[in-house]
């Protein structure tokens, strides 16, 4: 997850980087991670 965080920050600064969008970016990445985690949990317990 640490490596993914560094990658996401690099992508954010390369594509936008505006300080006023930092909170939105963090919210977006956290929301996406939560969705993936919930999907994996669902799939795991269905197996």
Protein backbone atom coordinates (compact mmCIF):
# COMPACT_ATOMS: atom_id res chain seq x y z
CA UNK A 1 0.00 0.00 0.00
CA UNK A 2 2.91 2.31 0.68
CA UNK A 3 4.16 1.92 -2.88
CA UNK A 4 0.66 2.52 -4.24
CA UNK A 5 0.43 5.72 -2.19
CA UNK A 6 3.71 6.99 -3.67
CA UNK A 7 2.53 6.10 -7.17
CA UNK A 8 -0.79 7.87 -6.65
CA UNK A 9 0.90 11.00 -5.31
CA UNK A 10 3.28 11.03 -8.25
CA UNK A 11 0.35 10.72 -10.66
CA UNK A 12 -1.59 13.45 -8.84
CA UNK A 13 1.29 15.91 -9.04
CA UNK A 14 2.07 15.01 -12.65
CA UNK A 15 -1.52 15.49 -13.77
CA UNK A 16 -2.82 18.25 -11.45
CA UNK A 17 -0.85 18.96 -8.29
CA UNK A 18 -2.99 21.92 -7.29
CA UNK A 19 -2.96 22.33 -3.52
CA UNK A 20 -6.68 23.09 -3.50
CA UNK A 21 -7.34 19.62 -4.96
CA UNK A 22 -5.29 17.62 -2.45
CA UNK A 23 -8.23 16.78 -0.19
CA UNK A 24 -10.35 15.74 -3.16
CA UNK A 25 -7.54 13.51 -4.42
CA UNK A 26 -7.10 11.83 -1.03
CA UNK A 27 -10.86 11.32 -0.75
CA UNK A 28 -10.96 9.81 -4.24
CA UNK A 29 -8.10 7.36 -3.61
CA UNK A 30 -9.50 6.33 -0.22
CA UNK A 31 -12.94 5.77 -1.73
CA UNK A 32 -11.49 3.68 -4.55
CA UNK A 33 -9.45 1.58 -2.11
CA UNK A 34 -12.52 1.03 0.08
CA UNK A 35 -14.50 -0.17 -2.96
CA UNK A 36 -11.74 -2.59 -4.00
CA UNK A 37 -11.35 -3.89 -0.45
CA UNK A 38 -15.09 -4.48 -0.07
CA UNK A 39 -15.24 -6.21 -3.46
CA UNK A 40 -12.37 -8.52 -2.52
CA UNK A 41 -13.96 -9.33 0.84
CA UNK A 42 -17.23 -10.12 -0.88
CA UNK A 43 -15.50 -12.36 -3.44
CA UNK A 44 -13.41 -14.08 -0.76
CA UNK A 45 -16.40 -15.01 1.37
CA UNK A 46 -18.39 -16.18 -1.66
CA UNK A 47 -15.70 -18.76 -2.50
